[in-house]
All heavy atoms as atom14 arrays in JSON, in Angstrom:
{
  "sequence": "QEFNGWSSLGLSYLLGFAAWKPEVQAIRERQSSVQNLVHSPDSVWSR",
  "atom14_mask": [
    [1, 1, 1, 1, 1, 1, 1, 1, 1, 0, 0, 0, 0, 0],
    [1, 1, 1, 1, 1, 1, 1, 1, 1, 0, 0, 0, 0, 0],
    [1, 1, 1, 1, 1, 1, 1, 1, 1, 1, 1, 0, 0, 0],
    [1, 1, 1, 1, 1, 1, 1, 1, 0, 0, 0, 0, 0, 0],
    [1, 1, 1, 1, 0, 0, 0, 0, 0, 0, 0, 0, 0, 0],
    [1, 1, 1, 1, 1, 1, 1, 1, 1, 1, 1, 1, 1, 1],
    [1, 1, 1, 1, 1, 1, 0, 0, 0, 0, 0, 0, 0, 0],
    [1, 1, 1, 1, 1, 1, 0, 0, 0, 0, 0, 0, 0, 0],
    [1, 1, 1, 1, 1, 1, 1, 1, 0, 0, 0, 0, 0, 0],
    [1, 1, 1, 1, 0, 0, 0, 0, 0, 0, 0, 0, 0, 0],
    [1, 1, 1, 1, 1, 1, 1, 1, 0, 0, 0, 0, 0, 0],
    [1, 1, 1, 1, 1, 1, 0, 0, 0, 0, 0, 0, 0, 0],
    [1, 1, 1, 1, 1, 1, 1, 1, 1, 1, 1, 1, 0, 0],
    [1, 1, 1, 1, 1, 1, 1, 1, 0, 0, 0, 0, 0, 0],
    [1, 1, 1, 1, 1, 1, 1, 1, 0, 0, 0, 0, 0, 0],
    [1, 1, 1, 1, 0, 0, 0, 0, 0, 0, 0, 0, 0, 0],
    [1, 1, 1, 1, 1, 1, 1, 1, 1, 1, 1, 0, 0, 0],
    [1, 1, 1, 1, 1, 0, 0, 0, 0, 0, 0, 0, 0, 0],
    [1, 1, 1, 1, 1, 0, 0, 0, 0, 0, 0, 0, 0, 0],
    [1, 1, 1, 1, 1, 1, 1, 1, 1, 1, 1, 1, 1, 1],
    [1, 1, 1, 1, 1, 1, 1, 1, 1, 0, 0, 0, 0, 0],
    [1, 1, 1, 1, 1, 1, 1, 0, 0, 0, 0, 0, 0, 0],
    [1, 1, 1, 1, 1, 1, 1, 1, 1, 0, 0, 0, 0, 0],
    [1, 1, 1, 1, 1, 1, 1, 0, 0, 0, 0, 0, 0, 0],
    [1, 1, 1, 1, 1, 1, 1, 1, 1, 0, 0, 0, 0, 0],
    [1, 1, 1, 1, 1, 0, 0, 0, 0, 0, 0, 0, 0, 0],
    [1, 1, 1, 1, 1, 1, 1, 1, 0, 0, 0, 0, 0, 0],
    [1, 1, 1, 1, 1, 1, 1, 1, 1, 1, 1, 0, 0, 0],
    [1, 1, 1, 1, 1, 1, 1, 1, 1, 0, 0, 0, 0, 0],
    [1, 1, 1, 1, 1, 1, 1, 1, 1, 1, 1, 0, 0, 0],
    [1, 1, 1, 1, 1, 1, 1, 1, 1, 0, 0, 0, 0, 0],
    [1, 1, 1, 1, 1, 1, 0, 0, 0, 0, 0, 0, 0, 0],
    [1, 1, 1, 1, 1, 1, 0, 0, 0, 0, 0, 0, 0, 0],
    [1, 1, 1, 1, 1, 1, 1, 0, 0, 0, 0, 0, 0, 0],
    [1, 1, 1, 1, 1, 1, 1, 1, 1, 0, 0, 0, 0, 0],
    [1, 1, 1, 1, 1, 1, 1, 1, 0, 0, 0, 0, 0, 0],
    [1, 1, 1, 1, 1, 1, 1, 1, 0, 0, 0, 0, 0, 0],
    [1, 1, 1, 1, 1, 1, 1, 0, 0, 0, 0, 0, 0, 0],
    [1, 1, 1, 1, 1, 1, 1, 1, 1, 1, 0, 0, 0, 0],
    [1, 1, 1, 1, 1, 1, 0, 0, 0, 0, 0, 0, 0, 0],
    [1, 1, 1, 1, 1, 1, 1, 0, 0, 0, 0, 0, 0, 0],
    [1, 1, 1, 1, 1, 1, 1, 1, 0, 0, 0, 0, 0, 0],
    [1, 1, 1, 1, 1, 1, 0, 0, 0, 0, 0, 0, 0, 0],
    [1, 1, 1, 1, 1, 1, 1, 0, 0, 0, 0, 0, 0, 0],
    [1, 1, 1, 1, 1, 1, 1, 1, 1, 1, 1, 1, 1, 1],
    [1, 1, 1, 1, 1, 1, 0, 0, 0, 0, 0, 0, 0, 0],
    [1, 1, 1, 1, 1, 1, 1, 1, 1, 1, 1, 0, 0, 0]
  ],
  "atom14_positions": [
    [[147.01, 174.43, 9.96], [148.15, 173.73, 9.39], [147.84, 172.26, 9.13], [148.3, 171.67, 8.16], [149.36, 173.86, 10.32], [149.92, 175.26, 10.44], [150.83, 175.44, 11.64], [151.1, 174.49, 12.37], [151.29, 176.66, 11.87], [0.0, 0.0, 0.0], [0.0, 0.0, 0.0], [0.0, 0.0, 0.0], [0.0, 0.0, 0.0], [0.0, 0.0, 0.0]],
    [[147.04, 171.65, 10.0], [146.79, 170.21, 9.94], [145.67, 169.86, 8.97], [145.73, 168.83, 8.29], [146.42, 169.7, 11.34], [146.13, 168.21, 11.43], [147.4, 167.36, 11.27], [148.52, 167.86, 11.54], [147.25, 166.19, 10.86], [0.0, 0.0, 0.0], [0.0, 0.0, 0.0], [0.0, 0.0, 0.0], [0.0, 0.0, 0.0], [0.0, 0.0, 0.0]],
    [[144.65, 170.71, 8.86], [143.45, 170.38, 8.09], [143.26, 171.37, 6.94], [143.82, 172.47, 6.95], [142.23, 170.37, 9.0], [142.35, 169.39, 10.13], [142.66, 169.81, 11.42], [142.18, 168.03, 9.91], [142.79, 168.91, 12.45], [142.31, 167.11, 10.94], [142.62, 167.54, 12.22], [0.0, 0.0, 0.0], [0.0, 0.0, 0.0], [0.0, 0.0, 0.0]],
    [[142.45, 170.96, 5.96], [142.25, 171.81, 4.79], [140.91, 172.53, 4.78], [140.55, 173.18, 3.8], [142.41, 171.0, 3.49], [141.41, 169.87, 3.38], [140.41, 169.83, 4.12], [141.65, 168.95, 2.47], [0.0, 0.0, 0.0], [0.0, 0.0, 0.0], [0.0, 0.0, 0.0], [0.0, 0.0, 0.0], [0.0, 0.0, 0.0], [0.0, 0.0, 0.0]],
    [[140.13, 172.41, 5.86], [138.86, 173.1, 5.9], [138.05, 172.69, 7.12], [138.43, 171.78, 7.88], [0.0, 0.0, 0.0], [0.0, 0.0, 0.0], [0.0, 0.0, 0.0], [0.0, 0.0, 0.0], [0.0, 0.0, 0.0], [0.0, 0.0, 0.0], [0.0, 0.0, 0.0], [0.0, 0.0, 0.0], [0.0, 0.0, 0.0], [0.0, 0.0, 0.0]],
    [[136.93, 173.38, 7.31], [136.07, 173.07, 8.44], [135.55, 171.63, 8.38], [135.38, 170.98, 9.43], [134.88, 174.03, 8.47], [135.2, 175.43, 8.86], [135.11, 176.55, 8.08], [135.65, 175.9, 10.15], [135.47, 177.67, 8.78], [135.81, 177.3, 10.06], [135.93, 175.25, 11.35], [136.23, 178.07, 11.15], [136.36, 176.02, 12.43], [136.5, 177.41, 12.33]],
    [[135.3, 171.12, 7.19], [134.75, 169.77, 7.09], [135.73, 168.72, 7.59], [135.34, 167.76, 8.26], [134.33, 169.45, 5.65], [135.43, 169.54, 4.78], [0.0, 0.0, 0.0], [0.0, 0.0, 0.0], [0.0, 0.0, 0.0], [0.0, 0.0, 0.0], [0.0, 0.0, 0.0], [0.0, 0.0, 0.0], [0.0, 0.0, 0.0], [0.0, 0.0, 0.0]],
    [[137.02, 168.88, 7.29], [137.99, 167.89, 7.77], [138.25, 168.06, 9.27], [138.45, 167.06, 9.97], [139.3, 167.99, 6.98], [139.86, 169.27, 7.03], [0.0, 0.0, 0.0], [0.0, 0.0, 0.0], [0.0, 0.0, 0.0], [0.0, 0.0, 0.0], [0.0, 0.0, 0.0], [0.0, 0.0, 0.0], [0.0, 0.0, 0.0], [0.0, 0.0, 0.0]],
    [[138.22, 169.29, 9.77], [138.3, 169.46, 11.22], [137.11, 168.8, 11.9], [137.26, 168.1, 12.9], [138.33, 170.95, 11.58], [138.33, 171.26, 13.08], [139.66, 170.89, 13.72], [137.99, 172.72, 13.35], [0.0, 0.0, 0.0], [0.0, 0.0, 0.0], [0.0, 0.0, 0.0], [0.0, 0.0, 0.0], [0.0, 0.0, 0.0], [0.0, 0.0, 0.0]],
    [[135.91, 169.01, 11.32], [134.71, 168.4, 11.89], [134.76, 166.89, 11.87], [134.32, 166.22, 12.81], [0.0, 0.0, 0.0], [0.0, 0.0, 0.0], [0.0, 0.0, 0.0], [0.0, 0.0, 0.0], [0.0, 0.0, 0.0], [0.0, 0.0, 0.0], [0.0, 0.0, 0.0], [0.0, 0.0, 0.0], [0.0, 0.0, 0.0], [0.0, 0.0, 0.0]],
    [[135.29, 166.32, 10.79], [135.42, 164.86, 10.7], [136.37, 164.34, 11.78], [136.08, 163.34, 12.45], [135.91, 164.47, 9.32], [136.2, 162.98, 9.11], [134.96, 162.13, 9.35], [136.76, 162.73, 7.7], [0.0, 0.0, 0.0], [0.0, 0.0, 0.0], [0.0, 0.0, 0.0], [0.0, 0.0, 0.0], [0.0, 0.0, 0.0], [0.0, 0.0, 0.0]],
    [[137.49, 165.02, 11.98], [138.43, 164.59, 13.01], [137.8, 164.69, 14.4], [137.99, 163.81, 15.25], [139.7, 165.45, 12.94], [140.66, 165.0, 13.88], [0.0, 0.0, 0.0], [0.0, 0.0, 0.0], [0.0, 0.0, 0.0], [0.0, 0.0, 0.0], [0.0, 0.0, 0.0], [0.0, 0.0, 0.0], [0.0, 0.0, 0.0], [0.0, 0.0, 0.0]],
    [[137.02, 165.74, 14.62], [136.3, 165.87, 15.88], [135.36, 164.69, 16.09], [135.32, 164.08, 17.16], [135.52, 167.18, 15.91], [134.55, 167.27, 17.06], [134.96, 167.75, 18.31], [133.22, 166.87, 16.92], [134.08, 167.82, 19.38], [132.33, 166.93, 17.98], [132.76, 167.41, 19.21], [131.88, 167.46, 20.26], [0.0, 0.0, 0.0], [0.0, 0.0, 0.0]],
    [[134.59, 164.35, 15.05], [133.63, 163.24, 15.16], [134.33, 161.92, 15.44], [133.87, 161.12, 16.27], [132.83, 163.13, 13.87], [131.7, 164.13, 13.65], [131.12, 163.96, 12.25], [130.62, 163.94, 14.71], [0.0, 0.0, 0.0], [0.0, 0.0, 0.0], [0.0, 0.0, 0.0], [0.0, 0.0, 0.0], [0.0, 0.0, 0.0], [0.0, 0.0, 0.0]],
    [[135.42, 161.65, 14.75], [136.13, 160.4, 14.94], [136.72, 160.32, 16.35], [136.71, 159.26, 16.98], [137.23, 160.25, 13.89], [136.71, 160.03, 12.45], [137.83, 160.24, 11.44], [136.1, 158.64, 12.31], [0.0, 0.0, 0.0], [0.0, 0.0, 0.0], [0.0, 0.0, 0.0], [0.0, 0.0, 0.0], [0.0, 0.0, 0.0], [0.0, 0.0, 0.0]],
    [[137.23, 161.45, 16.84], [137.74, 161.46, 18.2], [136.64, 161.28, 19.22], [136.82, 160.55, 20.2], [0.0, 0.0, 0.0], [0.0, 0.0, 0.0], [0.0, 0.0, 0.0], [0.0, 0.0, 0.0], [0.0, 0.0, 0.0], [0.0, 0.0, 0.0], [0.0, 0.0, 0.0], [0.0, 0.0, 0.0], [0.0, 0.0, 0.0], [0.0, 0.0, 0.0]],
    [[135.5, 161.91, 18.99], [134.37, 161.75, 19.9], [133.92, 160.29, 19.93], [133.65, 159.73, 21.0], [133.2, 162.64, 19.49], [131.98, 162.46, 20.34], [131.87, 163.13, 21.55], [130.96, 161.59, 19.97], [130.76, 162.95, 22.37], [129.85, 161.41, 20.77], [129.75, 162.08, 21.98], [0.0, 0.0, 0.0], [0.0, 0.0, 0.0], [0.0, 0.0, 0.0]],
    [[133.84, 159.66, 18.75], [133.38, 158.27, 18.68], [134.36, 157.32, 19.37], [133.94, 156.33, 19.97], [133.19, 157.86, 17.22], [0.0, 0.0, 0.0], [0.0, 0.0, 0.0], [0.0, 0.0, 0.0], [0.0, 0.0, 0.0], [0.0, 0.0, 0.0], [0.0, 0.0, 0.0], [0.0, 0.0, 0.0], [0.0, 0.0, 0.0], [0.0, 0.0, 0.0]],
    [[135.67, 157.63, 19.31], [136.63, 156.8, 20.03], [136.5, 156.98, 21.53], [136.7, 156.04, 22.3], [138.06, 157.17, 19.57], [0.0, 0.0, 0.0], [0.0, 0.0, 0.0], [0.0, 0.0, 0.0], [0.0, 0.0, 0.0], [0.0, 0.0, 0.0], [0.0, 0.0, 0.0], [0.0, 0.0, 0.0], [0.0, 0.0, 0.0], [0.0, 0.0, 0.0]],
    [[136.14, 158.19, 21.93], [136.0, 158.5, 23.36], [134.67, 157.99, 23.92], [134.61, 157.47, 25.04], [136.1, 160.01, 23.56], [135.87, 160.49, 24.96], [136.69, 160.31, 26.04], [134.74, 161.25, 25.44], [136.15, 160.91, 27.16], [134.96, 161.5, 26.81], [133.59, 161.75, 24.82], [134.04, 162.22, 27.59], [132.7, 162.47, 25.59], [132.92, 162.7, 26.97]],
    [[133.6, 158.13, 23.14], [132.26, 157.74, 23.6], [131.55, 156.99, 22.48], [130.74, 157.58, 21.75], [131.47, 158.98, 24.01], [130.14, 158.65, 24.7], [129.48, 159.93, 25.22], [128.22, 159.61, 26.0], [127.58, 160.85, 26.54], [0.0, 0.0, 0.0], [0.0, 0.0, 0.0], [0.0, 0.0, 0.0], [0.0, 0.0, 0.0], [0.0, 0.0, 0.0]],
    [[131.8, 155.69, 22.32], [131.23, 154.93, 21.21], [129.76, 154.55, 21.43], [129.4, 153.38, 21.56], [132.13, 153.7, 21.14], [132.62, 153.5, 22.54], [132.75, 154.88, 23.12], [0.0, 0.0, 0.0], [0.0, 0.0, 0.0], [0.0, 0.0, 0.0], [0.0, 0.0, 0.0], [0.0, 0.0, 0.0], [0.0, 0.0, 0.0], [0.0, 0.0, 0.0]],
    [[128.92, 155.59, 21.48], [127.48, 155.39, 21.66], [126.76, 155.98, 20.45], [126.93, 157.16, 20.13], [127.0, 156.07, 22.95], [127.64, 155.48, 24.2], [127.2, 156.2, 25.47], [126.32, 157.09, 25.37], [127.77, 155.89, 26.53], [0.0, 0.0, 0.0], [0.0, 0.0, 0.0], [0.0, 0.0, 0.0], [0.0, 0.0, 0.0], [0.0, 0.0, 0.0]],
    [[125.94, 155.16, 19.79], [125.38, 155.52, 18.49], [124.59, 156.82, 18.55], [124.76, 157.7, 17.7], [124.52, 154.37, 17.95], [123.76, 154.82, 16.7], [125.37, 153.16, 17.64], [0.0, 0.0, 0.0], [0.0, 0.0, 0.0], [0.0, 0.0, 0.0], [0.0, 0.0, 0.0], [0.0, 0.0, 0.0], [0.0, 0.0, 0.0], [0.0, 0.0, 0.0]],
    [[123.7, 156.96, 19.52], [122.85, 158.15, 19.57], [123.68, 159.41, 19.72], [123.45, 160.43, 19.05], [121.84, 158.04, 20.71], [120.85, 159.2, 20.78], [120.02, 159.36, 19.54], [119.67, 158.38, 18.87], [119.71, 160.61, 19.17], [0.0, 0.0, 0.0], [0.0, 0.0, 0.0], [0.0, 0.0, 0.0], [0.0, 0.0, 0.0], [0.0, 0.0, 0.0]],
    [[124.66, 159.37, 20.61], [125.5, 160.55, 20.84], [126.3, 160.89, 19.59], [126.46, 162.07, 19.23], [126.44, 160.31, 22.02], [0.0, 0.0, 0.0], [0.0, 0.0, 0.0], [0.0, 0.0, 0.0], [0.0, 0.0, 0.0], [0.0, 0.0, 0.0], [0.0, 0.0, 0.0], [0.0, 0.0, 0.0], [0.0, 0.0, 0.0], [0.0, 0.0, 0.0]],
    [[126.81, 159.87, 18.9], [127.57, 160.1, 17.67], [126.68, 160.72, 16.6], [127.08, 161.69, 15.92], [128.2, 158.78, 17.17], [129.27, 158.29, 18.15], [128.8, 158.96, 15.77], [129.73, 156.87, 17.89], [0.0, 0.0, 0.0], [0.0, 0.0, 0.0], [0.0, 0.0, 0.0], [0.0, 0.0, 0.0], [0.0, 0.0, 0.0], [0.0, 0.0, 0.0]],
    [[125.48, 160.19, 16.44], [124.59, 160.71, 15.41], [124.17, 162.15, 15.69], [124.03, 162.96, 14.76], [123.38, 159.8, 15.28], [123.72, 158.5, 14.57], [122.55, 157.54, 14.48], [122.9, 156.38, 13.67], [122.24, 155.22, 13.68], [121.17, 155.09, 14.46], [122.62, 154.22, 12.92], [0.0, 0.0, 0.0], [0.0, 0.0, 0.0], [0.0, 0.0, 0.0]],
    [[123.99, 162.48, 16.95], [123.65, 163.87, 17.29], [124.77, 164.81, 16.87], [124.53, 165.89, 16.32], [123.39, 163.99, 18.79], [122.09, 163.35, 19.23], [121.94, 163.33, 20.74], [122.86, 163.81, 21.44], [120.89, 162.86, 21.22], [0.0, 0.0, 0.0], [0.0, 0.0, 0.0], [0.0, 0.0, 0.0], [0.0, 0.0, 0.0], [0.0, 0.0, 0.0]],
    [[125.99, 164.4, 17.11], [127.12, 165.26, 16.75], [127.37, 165.26, 15.23], [127.8, 166.26, 14.67], [128.36, 164.85, 17.54], [128.29, 165.42, 18.96], [129.11, 164.67, 19.96], [128.95, 165.26, 21.29], [127.9, 165.07, 22.09], [126.92, 164.27, 21.69], [127.84, 165.64, 23.28], [0.0, 0.0, 0.0], [0.0, 0.0, 0.0], [0.0, 0.0, 0.0]],
    [[127.12, 164.15, 14.59], [127.2, 164.13, 13.12], [126.23, 165.16, 12.53], [126.59, 165.89, 11.6], [126.86, 162.74, 12.59], [127.99, 161.74, 12.69], [127.59, 160.37, 12.17], [126.47, 159.91, 12.38], [128.52, 159.71, 11.5], [0.0, 0.0, 0.0], [0.0, 0.0, 0.0], [0.0, 0.0, 0.0], [0.0, 0.0, 0.0], [0.0, 0.0, 0.0]],
    [[125.03, 165.2, 13.06], [124.04, 166.15, 12.59], [124.51, 167.58, 12.8], [124.37, 168.44, 11.92], [122.71, 165.93, 13.3], [121.74, 166.87, 12.9], [0.0, 0.0, 0.0], [0.0, 0.0, 0.0], [0.0, 0.0, 0.0], [0.0, 0.0, 0.0], [0.0, 0.0, 0.0], [0.0, 0.0, 0.0], [0.0, 0.0, 0.0], [0.0, 0.0, 0.0]],
    [[125.12, 167.85, 13.96], [125.62, 169.19, 14.25], [126.73, 169.58, 13.29], [126.75, 170.7, 12.75], [126.13, 169.27, 15.7], [125.08, 169.06, 16.62], [0.0, 0.0, 0.0], [0.0, 0.0, 0.0], [0.0, 0.0, 0.0], [0.0, 0.0, 0.0], [0.0, 0.0, 0.0], [0.0, 0.0, 0.0], [0.0, 0.0, 0.0], [0.0, 0.0, 0.0]],
    [[127.67, 168.66, 13.05], [128.78, 168.96, 12.15], [128.27, 169.18, 10.73], [128.71, 170.11, 10.04], [129.84, 167.82, 12.2], [130.85, 167.98, 11.07], [130.54, 167.82, 13.54], [0.0, 0.0, 0.0], [0.0, 0.0, 0.0], [0.0, 0.0, 0.0], [0.0, 0.0, 0.0], [0.0, 0.0, 0.0], [0.0, 0.0, 0.0], [0.0, 0.0, 0.0]],
    [[127.37, 168.33, 10.26], [126.83, 168.5, 8.91], [126.14, 169.85, 8.74], [126.3, 170.51, 7.71], [125.86, 167.36, 8.6], [126.56, 166.02, 8.38], [125.6, 164.85, 8.3], [124.38, 165.02, 8.39], [126.13, 163.65, 8.14], [0.0, 0.0, 0.0], [0.0, 0.0, 0.0], [0.0, 0.0, 0.0], [0.0, 0.0, 0.0], [0.0, 0.0, 0.0]],
    [[125.42, 170.27, 9.76], [124.76, 171.58, 9.68], [125.79, 172.7, 9.64], [125.65, 173.66, 8.87], [123.83, 171.77, 10.88], [123.11, 173.1, 10.83], [122.29, 173.36, 9.94], [123.41, 173.98, 11.77], [0.0, 0.0, 0.0], [0.0, 0.0, 0.0], [0.0, 0.0, 0.0], [0.0, 0.0, 0.0], [0.0, 0.0, 0.0], [0.0, 0.0, 0.0]],
    [[126.83, 172.6, 10.45], [127.85, 173.63, 10.47], [128.59, 173.71, 9.14], [128.96, 174.79, 8.67], [128.85, 173.36, 11.6], [128.36, 173.68, 13.01], [129.25, 173.0, 14.05], [128.33, 175.18, 13.23], [0.0, 0.0, 0.0], [0.0, 0.0, 0.0], [0.0, 0.0, 0.0], [0.0, 0.0, 0.0], [0.0, 0.0, 0.0], [0.0, 0.0, 0.0]],
    [[128.81, 172.56, 8.51], [129.54, 172.53, 7.24], [128.68, 173.0, 6.08], [129.14, 173.76, 5.21], [130.06, 171.1, 6.96], [130.61, 171.0, 5.54], [131.15, 170.72, 7.97], [0.0, 0.0, 0.0], [0.0, 0.0, 0.0], [0.0, 0.0, 0.0], [0.0, 0.0, 0.0], [0.0, 0.0, 0.0], [0.0, 0.0, 0.0], [0.0, 0.0, 0.0]],
    [[127.41, 172.61, 6.05], [126.59, 172.83, 4.86], [125.61, 173.99, 4.93], [125.2, 174.5, 3.89], [125.82, 171.54, 4.54], [126.7, 170.38, 4.22], [127.54, 170.37, 3.11], [126.91, 169.19, 4.86], [128.2, 169.23, 3.08], [127.85, 168.5, 4.13], [0.0, 0.0, 0.0], [0.0, 0.0, 0.0], [0.0, 0.0, 0.0], [0.0, 0.0, 0.0]],
    [[125.24, 174.43, 6.12], [124.28, 175.53, 6.2], [124.96, 176.86, 5.86], [126.0, 177.2, 6.44], [123.68, 175.62, 7.61], [122.91, 176.8, 7.73], [0.0, 0.0, 0.0], [0.0, 0.0, 0.0], [0.0, 0.0, 0.0], [0.0, 0.0, 0.0], [0.0, 0.0, 0.0], [0.0, 0.0, 0.0], [0.0, 0.0, 0.0], [0.0, 0.0, 0.0]],
    [[124.4, 177.63, 4.94], [125.01, 178.92, 4.58], [124.97, 179.93, 5.71], [125.71, 180.92, 5.69], [124.16, 179.4, 3.39], [122.86, 178.68, 3.53], [123.18, 177.36, 4.15], [0.0, 0.0, 0.0], [0.0, 0.0, 0.0], [0.0, 0.0, 0.0], [0.0, 0.0, 0.0], [0.0, 0.0, 0.0], [0.0, 0.0, 0.0], [0.0, 0.0, 0.0]],
    [[124.14, 179.68, 6.71], [124.03, 180.62, 7.84], [124.87, 180.22, 9.04], [124.88, 180.93, 10.04], [122.56, 180.72, 8.27], [121.65, 181.25, 7.17], [122.1, 182.14, 6.42], [120.51, 180.75, 7.06], [0.0, 0.0, 0.0], [0.0, 0.0, 0.0], [0.0, 0.0, 0.0], [0.0, 0.0, 0.0], [0.0, 0.0, 0.0], [0.0, 0.0, 0.0]],
    [[125.55, 179.07, 8.95], [126.3, 178.6, 10.12], [127.54, 179.45, 10.34], [128.04, 180.14, 9.45], [126.72, 177.13, 9.93], [127.85, 177.04, 9.09], [0.0, 0.0, 0.0], [0.0, 0.0, 0.0], [0.0, 0.0, 0.0], [0.0, 0.0, 0.0], [0.0, 0.0, 0.0], [0.0, 0.0, 0.0], [0.0, 0.0, 0.0], [0.0, 0.0, 0.0]],
    [[128.06, 179.39, 11.57], [129.25, 180.16, 11.9], [130.45, 179.7, 11.07], [131.31, 180.5, 10.7], [129.54, 180.09, 13.41], [129.93, 178.67, 13.84], [130.63, 181.08, 13.79], [0.0, 0.0, 0.0], [0.0, 0.0, 0.0], [0.0, 0.0, 0.0], [0.0, 0.0, 0.0], [0.0, 0.0, 0.0], [0.0, 0.0, 0.0], [0.0, 0.0, 0.0]],
    [[130.53, 178.41, 10.73], [131.63, 177.94, 9.9], [131.52, 178.49, 8.48], [132.55, 178.78, 7.85], [131.68, 176.41, 9.89], [132.21, 175.83, 11.18], [132.61, 176.51, 12.29], [132.39, 174.45, 11.47], [133.02, 175.64, 13.27], [132.91, 174.37, 12.8], [132.17, 173.27, 10.76], [133.21, 173.15, 13.41], [132.46, 172.05, 11.38], [132.98, 171.99, 12.68]],
    [[130.32, 178.64, 7.97], [130.15, 179.22, 6.64], [130.48, 180.72, 6.65], [130.97, 181.27, 5.67], [128.72, 179.01, 6.14], [128.44, 177.64, 5.96], [0.0, 0.0, 0.0], [0.0, 0.0, 0.0], [0.0, 0.0, 0.0], [0.0, 0.0, 0.0], [0.0, 0.0, 0.0], [0.0, 0.0, 0.0], [0.0, 0.0, 0.0], [0.0, 0.0, 0.0]],
    [[130.21, 181.37, 7.76], [130.43, 182.81, 7.85], [131.89, 183.17, 8.08], [132.31, 184.31, 7.82], [129.59, 183.41, 8.99], [128.1, 183.43, 8.7], [127.34, 184.21, 9.76], [127.15, 183.48, 11.0], [127.71, 183.81, 12.17], [128.54, 184.82, 12.24], [127.44, 183.1, 13.26], [0.0, 0.0, 0.0], [0.0, 0.0, 0.0], [0.0, 0.0, 0.0]]
  ]
}
């Protein structure tokens, strides 16, 4: 109801994580995970 797709859910997750733990390395690791989930045709979000 709140979001229009996995990418917007993933973005909200990332922003919340960054507010909770504002550490660059940790944020970048999760950005990489979200990007893979959104864009990889084999990811669970794509399936």
